[in-house]
Amino acid sequence: MKLISGNTYTVSESEMHAFAESFVLYVQEKYKDILSSRAVFVSLSGNLGAGKTTFSKEIAQVLRVEESVTSPTFVIQKTYVTKNSEIKRIVHIDAYRLEADRELEALQFKKTVEQMNTMVLLEWPEKVPEISKNADISLVFEVVDQNLRKITVL
């Protein structure tokens, strides 16, 4: 599957890994120059249970993160080292419990997005609208049924 910005994909739970592989290839091809100078910032929108954290875990698996990847809901932010040569770090942020952009700024978000060879995955971007409007890529997750998700790439 080749991802194209503006398209919507219907993905089953068993296809999420293949979608994540396609997404990583998309980022490495389209954002190669950006990765060599700063992070690629990806916002992940969708209701609870729409697949944002599942997708983030699959991204980590594709990039060969060795540690267990869990939702950063209570700690807000987690950083993982990968075994990928182009995307060496994943910063996974869950803004669900935040009430304002300044709370994410307190976590030195500006320094985070300045890190090269990094992918920043931000769940619940609507909680930090001023920051999330600067995302390089936005993914919108929608529940179709218990097994299917619609993912729109913007």
C-alpha atoms as a PDB file:
ATOM      1  CA  MET A   1       0.000   0.000   0.000  1.00  0.00           C
ATOM      2  CA  LYS A   2       1.432   3.368  -0.995  1.00  0.00           C
ATOM      3  CA  LEU A   3       0.135   6.234   1.138  1.00  0.00           C
ATOM      4  CA  ILE A   4      -1.032   9.438  -0.452  1.00  0.00           C
ATOM      5  CA  SER A   5      -1.846  12.628   1.431  1.00  0.00           C
ATOM      6  CA  GLY A   6      -5.557  13.401   1.295  1.00  0.00           C
ATOM      7  CA  ASN A   7      -6.593   9.759   0.964  1.00  0.00           C
ATOM      8  CA  THR A   8      -8.623   7.686   3.405  1.00  0.00           C
ATOM      9  CA  TYR A   9      -7.757   4.043   4.099  1.00  0.00           C
ATOM     10  CA  THR A  10      -9.898   1.379   5.728  1.00  0.00           C
ATOM     11  CA  VAL A  11      -7.660  -0.799   7.863  1.00  0.00           C
ATOM     12  CA  SER A  12      -8.485  -3.921   9.878  1.00  0.00           C
ATOM     13  CA  GLU A  13      -6.727  -4.684  13.139  1.00  0.00           C
ATOM     14  CA  SER A  14      -4.619  -7.319  11.345  1.00  0.00           C
ATOM     15  CA  GLU A  15      -3.676  -4.808   8.618  1.00  0.00           C
ATOM     16  CA  MET A  16      -2.501  -2.072  11.010  1.00  0.00           C
ATOM     17  CA  HIS A  17       1.109  -3.298  10.913  1.00  0.00           C
ATOM     18  CA  ALA A  18       1.202  -3.115   7.107  1.00  0.00           C
ATOM     19  CA  PHE A  19      -0.344   0.368   7.268  1.00  0.00           C
ATOM     20  CA  ALA A  20       2.365   1.428   9.757  1.00  0.00           C
ATOM     21  CA  GLU A  21       5.058   0.045   7.420  1.00  0.00           C
ATOM     22  CA  SER A  22       3.606   2.070   4.555  1.00  0.00           C
ATOM     23  CA  PHE A  23       3.455   5.143   6.768  1.00  0.00           C
ATOM     24  CA  VAL A  24       7.126   4.831   7.769  1.00  0.00           C
ATOM     25  CA  LEU A  25       8.123   4.510   4.092  1.00  0.00           C
ATOM     26  CA  TYR A  26       5.973   7.547   3.275  1.00  0.00           C
ATOM     27  CA  VAL A  27       7.702   9.604   5.991  1.00  0.00           C
ATOM     28  CA  GLN A  28      11.177   8.430   4.978  1.00  0.00           C
ATOM     29  CA  GLU A  29      10.558   9.308   1.325  1.00  0.00           C
ATOM     30  CA  LYS A  30       8.558  12.525   1.602  1.00  0.00           C
ATOM     31  CA  TYR A  31      10.251  13.976   4.698  1.00  0.00           C
ATOM     32  CA  LYS A  32      13.841  12.789   4.180  1.00  0.00           C
ATOM     33  CA  ASP A  33      15.255  16.337   4.168  1.00  0.00           C
ATOM     34  CA  ILE A  34      13.243  17.336   7.222  1.00  0.00           C
ATOM     35  CA  LEU A  35      14.425  14.279   9.189  1.00  0.00           C
ATOM     36  CA  SER A  36      18.032  15.337   8.656  1.00  0.00           C
ATOM     37  CA  SER A  37      17.360  18.713  10.291  1.00  0.00           C
ATOM     38  CA  ARG A  38      14.427  18.276  12.710  1.00  0.00           C
ATOM     39  CA  ALA A  39      11.637  15.956  13.834  1.00  0.00           C
ATOM     40  CA  VAL A  40       8.682  14.996  11.680  1.00  0.00           C
ATOM     41  CA  PHE A  41       5.630  16.000  13.715  1.00  0.00           C
ATOM     42  CA  VAL A  42       2.572  13.742  13.301  1.00  0.00           C
ATOM     43  CA  SER A  43      -0.776  14.463  14.938  1.00  0.00           C
ATOM     44  CA  LEU A  44      -3.151  11.567  15.640  1.00  0.00           C
ATOM     45  CA  SER A  45      -6.826  12.509  16.052  1.00  0.00           C
ATOM     46  CA  GLY A  46      -9.775  10.297  16.890  1.00  0.00           C
ATOM     47  CA  ASN A  47     -12.112   9.220  19.642  1.00  0.00           C
ATOM     48  CA  LEU A  48     -11.127   6.859  22.448  1.00  0.00           C
ATOM     49  CA  GLY A  49     -10.534   3.405  20.998  1.00  0.00           C
ATOM     50  CA  ALA A  50     -10.116   4.675  17.435  1.00  0.00           C
ATOM     51  CA  GLY A  51      -6.632   3.159  17.057  1.00  0.00           C
ATOM     52  CA  LYS A  52      -4.173   5.977  17.786  1.00  0.00           C
ATOM     53  CA  THR A  53      -2.149   4.077  20.401  1.00  0.00           C
ATOM     54  CA  THR A  54      -2.366   0.828  18.431  1.00  0.00           C
ATOM     55  CA  PHE A  55      -0.946   2.661  15.414  1.00  0.00           C
ATOM     56  CA  SER A  56       1.833   4.177  17.566  1.00  0.00           C
ATOM     57  CA  LYS A  57       2.767   0.722  18.864  1.00  0.00           C
ATOM     58  CA  GLU A  58       2.906  -0.604  15.297  1.00  0.00           C
ATOM     59  CA  ILE A  59       5.134   2.308  14.243  1.00  0.00           C
ATOM     60  CA  ALA A  60       7.483   1.421  17.101  1.00  0.00           C
ATOM     61  CA  GLN A  61       7.515  -2.211  16.004  1.00  0.00           C
ATOM     62  CA  VAL A  62       8.263  -1.259  12.379  1.00  0.00           C
ATOM     63  CA  LEU A  63      11.135   0.958  13.561  1.00  0.00           C
ATOM     64  CA  ARG A  64      12.383  -1.911  15.747  1.00  0.00           C
ATOM     65  CA  VAL A  65      11.953  -0.415  19.196  1.00  0.00           C
ATOM     66  CA  GLU A  66      13.047  -3.119  21.633  1.00  0.00           C
ATOM     67  CA  GLU A  67      11.234  -1.982  24.761  1.00  0.00           C
ATOM     68  CA  SER A  68       7.539  -2.394  25.423  1.00  0.00           C
ATOM     69  CA  VAL A  69       5.512   0.527  24.074  1.00  0.00           C
ATOM     70  CA  THR A  70       2.599   1.644  26.227  1.00  0.00           C
ATOM     71  CA  SER A  71       0.202   4.570  26.173  1.00  0.00           C
ATOM     72  CA  PRO A  72       1.763   7.714  27.686  1.00  0.00           C
ATOM     73  CA  THR A  73      -1.612   8.858  29.055  1.00  0.00           C
ATOM     74  CA  PHE A  74      -0.428   9.282  32.650  1.00  0.00           C
ATOM     75  CA  VAL A  75       3.176  10.355  32.031  1.00  0.00           C
ATOM     76  CA  ILE A  76       2.185  12.476  28.997  1.00  0.00           C
ATOM     77  CA  GLN A  77       5.387  11.766  27.028  1.00  0.00           C
ATOM     78  CA  LYS A  78       7.633   8.776  26.352  1.00  0.00           C
ATOM     79  CA  THR A  79      10.726   8.571  24.185  1.00  0.00           C
ATOM     80  CA  TYR A  80      11.877   5.388  22.471  1.00  0.00           C
ATOM     81  CA  VAL A  81      15.137   4.624  20.701  1.00  0.00           C
ATOM     82  CA  THR A  82      14.755   2.733  17.414  1.00  0.00           C
ATOM     83  CA  LYS A  83      17.069   0.546  15.357  1.00  0.00           C
ATOM     84  CA  ASN A  84      16.182   2.502  12.198  1.00  0.00           C
ATOM     85  CA  SER A  85      18.917   4.536  10.504  1.00  0.00           C
ATOM     86  CA  GLU A  86      16.684   7.449   9.436  1.00  0.00           C
ATOM     87  CA  ILE A  87      14.197   7.662  12.307  1.00  0.00           C
ATOM     88  CA  LYS A  88      16.294   7.048  15.402  1.00  0.00           C
ATOM     89  CA  ARG A  89      13.797   8.186  18.030  1.00  0.00           C
ATOM     90  CA  ILE A  90      10.055   8.197  18.556  1.00  0.00           C
ATOM     91  CA  VAL A  91       8.559  10.694  20.975  1.00  0.00           C
ATOM     92  CA  HIS A  92       5.031   9.553  21.827  1.00  0.00           C
ATOM     93  CA  ILE A  93       2.849  12.190  23.490  1.00  0.00           C
ATOM     94  CA  ASP A  94      -0.692  11.856  24.798  1.00  0.00           C
ATOM     95  CA  ALA A  95      -2.258  15.294  25.307  1.00  0.00           C
ATOM     96  CA  TYR A  96      -5.595  13.925  26.558  1.00  0.00           C
ATOM     97  CA  ARG A  97      -5.095  15.220  30.108  1.00  0.00           C
ATOM     98  CA  LEU A  98      -3.689  18.594  29.063  1.00  0.00           C
ATOM     99  CA  GLU A  99      -5.791  21.728  29.207  1.00  0.00           C
ATOM    100  CA  ALA A 100      -3.633  24.196  27.300  1.00  0.00           C
ATOM    101  CA  ASP A 101      -0.724  24.465  24.869  1.00  0.00           C
ATOM    102  CA  ARG A 102       1.502  25.904  27.609  1.00  0.00           C
ATOM    103  CA  GLU A 103       1.394  22.560  29.440  1.00  0.00           C
ATOM    104  CA  LEU A 104       3.036  20.863  26.468  1.00  0.00           C
ATOM    105  CA  GLU A 105       5.506  23.714  26.185  1.00  0.00           C
ATOM    106  CA  ALA A 106       6.507  22.997  29.814  1.00  0.00           C
ATOM    107  CA  LEU A 107       7.699  19.574  28.556  1.00  0.00           C
ATOM    108  CA  GLN A 108      10.094  21.423  26.224  1.00  0.00           C
ATOM    109  CA  PHE A 109       8.078  20.528  23.151  1.00  0.00           C
ATOM    110  CA  LYS A 110       9.956  23.077  21.011  1.00  0.00           C
ATOM    111  CA  LYS A 111      13.247  21.305  21.764  1.00  0.00           C
ATOM    112  CA  THR A 112      11.609  17.957  21.027  1.00  0.00           C
ATOM    113  CA  VAL A 113      10.597  18.962  17.497  1.00  0.00           C
ATOM    114  CA  GLU A 114      14.072  20.376  16.875  1.00  0.00           C
ATOM    115  CA  GLN A 115      15.645  16.909  17.280  1.00  0.00           C
ATOM    116  CA  MET A 116      16.743  15.462  13.969  1.00  0.00           C
ATOM    117  CA  ASN A 117      16.002  11.855  12.992  1.00  0.00           C
ATOM    118  CA  THR A 118      12.948  11.882  15.259  1.00  0.00           C
ATOM    119  CA  MET A 119       9.255  11.184  14.755  1.00  0.00           C
ATOM    120  CA  VAL A 120       6.892  12.910  17.171  1.00  0.00           C
ATOM    121  CA  LEU A 121       3.504  11.200  17.505  1.00  0.00           C
ATOM    122  CA  LEU A 122       0.967  13.434  19.268  1.00  0.00           C
ATOM    123  CA  GLU A 123      -2.339  11.913  20.329  1.00  0.00           C
ATOM    124  CA  TRP A 124      -5.269  14.257  21.073  1.00  0.00           C
ATOM    125  CA  PRO A 125      -3.915  17.278  19.124  1.00  0.00           C
ATOM    126  CA  GLU A 126      -7.223  19.115  19.651  1.00  0.00           C
ATOM    127  CA  LYS A 127      -6.174  19.598  23.296  1.00  0.00           C
ATOM    128  CA  VAL A 128      -3.181  21.701  22.150  1.00  0.00           C
ATOM    129  CA  PRO A 129      -4.486  23.449  19.015  1.00  0.00           C
ATOM    130  CA  GLU A 130      -1.809  26.133  18.676  1.00  0.00           C
ATOM    131  CA  ILE A 131       0.962  23.538  18.777  1.00  0.00           C
ATOM    132  CA  SER A 132      -0.794  20.907  16.682  1.00  0.00           C
ATOM    133  CA  LYS A 133      -1.534  23.273  13.802  1.00  0.00           C
ATOM    134  CA  ASN A 134       2.194  22.958  13.009  1.00  0.00           C
ATOM    135  CA  ALA A 135       2.031  19.192  12.432  1.00  0.00           C
ATOM    136  CA  ASP A 136       3.720  17.982   9.258  1.00  0.00           C
ATOM    137  CA  ILE A 137       1.200  15.148   8.896  1.00  0.00           C
ATOM    138  CA  SER A 138      -2.204  14.672  10.478  1.00  0.00           C
ATOM    139  CA  LEU A 139      -3.890  11.295  10.721  1.00  0.00           C
ATOM    140  CA  VAL A 140      -7.574  11.125  11.594  1.00  0.00           C
ATOM    141  CA  PHE A 141      -8.798   7.784  12.979  1.00  0.00           C
ATOM    142  CA  GLU A 142     -12.455   6.765  12.876  1.00  0.00           C
ATOM    143  CA  VAL A 143     -14.112   3.599  14.134  1.00  0.00           C
ATOM    144  CA  VAL A 144     -16.008   1.751  11.394  1.00  0.00           C
ATOM    145  CA  ASP A 145     -16.774  -1.306  13.501  1.00  0.00           C
ATOM    146  CA  GLN A 146     -15.066  -3.450  16.146  1.00  0.00           C
ATOM    147  CA  ASN A 147     -12.341  -4.547  13.695  1.00  0.00           C
ATOM    148  CA  LEU A 148     -12.132  -1.749  11.100  1.00  0.00           C
ATOM    149  CA  ARG A 149     -10.740   1.775  11.257  1.00  0.00           C
ATOM    150  CA  LYS A 150     -10.825   4.554   8.679  1.00  0.00           C
ATOM    151  CA  ILE A 151      -7.583   6.528   8.646  1.00  0.00           C
ATOM    152  CA  THR A 152      -7.360   9.775   6.710  1.00  0.00           C
ATOM    153  CA  VAL A 153      -3.901  11.134   5.884  1.00  0.00           C
ATOM    154  CA  LEU A 154      -3.762  14.941   5.789  1.00  0.00           C
END
